[in-house]
């Protein structure tokens, strides 16, 4: 089981937050840390979670998932500068995997 931290921003006015909340809750055991930050104990990988959450979000929304069990991260639609920073500064030990969309 993986220890996942999930963060998201929904940018469009009037966004359906319940859809992403339900999708996160379906991933496994969960705790809501902040309004848009969650901890989830799940069998899914970081990149699998990003793909599942993309199904219930708009193309302009952003998603960031860290799997602290396996030192992996995946994200969608982060600012290019942030994405580049993560790629350049993430611990590059063997086994690191990042999935970037």
Protein backbone atom coordinates (compact mmCIF):
# COMPACT_ATOMS: atom_id res chain seq x y z
CA UNK A 1 0.00 0.00 0.00
CA UNK A 2 1.21 3.47 -0.90
CA UNK A 3 1.20 6.65 1.16
CA UNK A 4 -0.10 9.31 -1.21
CA UNK A 5 -0.43 13.05 -0.82
CA UNK A 6 -2.84 14.53 -3.34
CA UNK A 7 -3.18 18.22 -4.07
CA UNK A 8 -5.33 19.88 -6.69
CA UNK A 9 -6.56 23.27 -7.89
CA UNK A 10 -9.82 23.61 -9.77
CA UNK A 11 -9.73 26.93 -11.60
CA UNK A 12 -13.06 27.26 -13.38
CA UNK A 13 -15.76 29.17 -11.49
CA UNK A 14 -18.56 26.90 -10.31
CA UNK A 15 -16.40 23.77 -10.45
CA UNK A 16 -17.89 20.44 -9.29
CA UNK A 17 -15.76 19.72 -6.23
CA UNK A 18 -17.88 16.73 -5.25
CA UNK A 19 -16.70 14.76 -8.28
CA UNK A 20 -13.03 15.02 -7.32
CA UNK A 21 -13.80 14.45 -3.64
CA UNK A 22 -15.68 11.25 -4.52
CA UNK A 23 -12.86 10.13 -6.84
CA UNK A 24 -10.27 10.65 -4.10
CA UNK A 25 -12.36 8.84 -1.50
CA UNK A 26 -12.68 5.87 -3.87
CA UNK A 27 -8.87 5.44 -3.99
CA UNK A 28 -8.54 3.94 -0.51
CA UNK A 29 -8.40 5.02 3.11
CA UNK A 30 -8.23 8.79 3.24
CA UNK A 31 -7.96 11.91 5.39
CA UNK A 32 -8.63 15.43 4.23
CA UNK A 33 -5.64 17.47 5.38
CA UNK A 34 -6.70 20.82 3.87
CA UNK A 35 -9.47 21.85 1.49
CA UNK A 36 -7.59 20.55 -1.54
CA UNK A 37 -4.86 18.40 0.07
CA UNK A 38 -5.51 14.79 0.97
CA UNK A 39 -3.65 11.82 2.41
CA UNK A 40 -4.68 8.48 0.90
CA UNK A 41 -3.49 4.96 1.71
CA UNK A 42 -3.92 3.22 -1.63
CA UNK A 43 -2.69 0.47 -3.91
CA UNK A 44 -2.63 2.95 -6.81
CA UNK A 45 0.58 4.65 -7.98
CA UNK A 46 0.97 8.41 -8.24
CA UNK A 47 0.58 8.35 -12.03
CA UNK A 48 -2.51 6.12 -11.82
CA UNK A 49 -4.10 8.58 -9.40
CA UNK A 50 -3.39 11.52 -11.71
CA UNK A 51 -5.08 9.67 -14.57
CA UNK A 52 -8.12 8.80 -12.44
CA UNK A 53 -8.52 12.39 -11.22
CA UNK A 54 -8.11 13.83 -14.72
CA UNK A 55 -11.34 12.01 -15.64
CA UNK A 56 -13.30 14.25 -13.25
CA UNK A 57 -11.49 17.56 -13.77
CA UNK A 58 -11.25 20.14 -16.52
CA UNK A 59 -8.24 20.49 -18.81
CA UNK A 60 -7.16 23.72 -17.08
CA UNK A 61 -7.16 22.22 -13.55
CA UNK A 62 -3.93 21.04 -11.92
CA UNK A 63 -3.13 17.89 -9.97
CA UNK A 64 -0.03 16.95 -7.97
CA UNK A 65 0.42 13.52 -6.36
CA UNK A 66 3.37 12.32 -4.27
CA UNK A 67 3.85 8.69 -3.33
CA UNK A 68 6.10 8.92 -0.28
CA UNK A 69 6.32 5.14 0.03
CA UNK A 70 8.11 4.78 -3.30
CA UNK A 71 9.62 8.26 -3.74
CA UNK A 72 7.50 8.92 -6.82
CA UNK A 73 5.54 11.91 -8.03
CA UNK A 74 3.15 12.63 -10.85
CA UNK A 75 1.38 15.78 -11.92
CA UNK A 76 -0.81 17.36 -14.53
CA UNK A 77 -0.95 20.95 -15.72
CA UNK A 78 1.44 22.51 -13.23
CA UNK A 79 3.06 25.77 -14.19
CA UNK A 80 6.03 24.99 -16.48
CA UNK A 81 8.47 26.68 -14.11
CA UNK A 82 7.24 24.55 -11.21
CA UNK A 83 7.32 21.39 -13.30
CA UNK A 84 10.89 22.13 -14.40
CA UNK A 85 11.91 22.86 -10.80
CA UNK A 86 10.48 19.54 -9.61
CA UNK A 87 12.24 17.62 -12.37
CA UNK A 88 15.58 19.33 -11.62
CA UNK A 89 15.44 19.16 -7.83
CA UNK A 90 13.62 15.95 -6.94
CA UNK A 91 15.84 13.44 -5.21
CA UNK A 92 17.29 11.51 -8.14
CA UNK A 93 18.12 8.32 -6.29
CA UNK A 94 17.64 5.02 -8.11
CA UNK A 95 14.00 4.04 -8.21
CA UNK A 96 12.67 7.57 -8.63
CA UNK A 97 9.90 7.82 -11.17
CA UNK A 98 8.06 10.92 -12.18
CA UNK A 99 5.14 10.98 -14.53
CA UNK A 100 4.57 14.39 -16.03
CA UNK A 101 1.68 15.36 -18.22
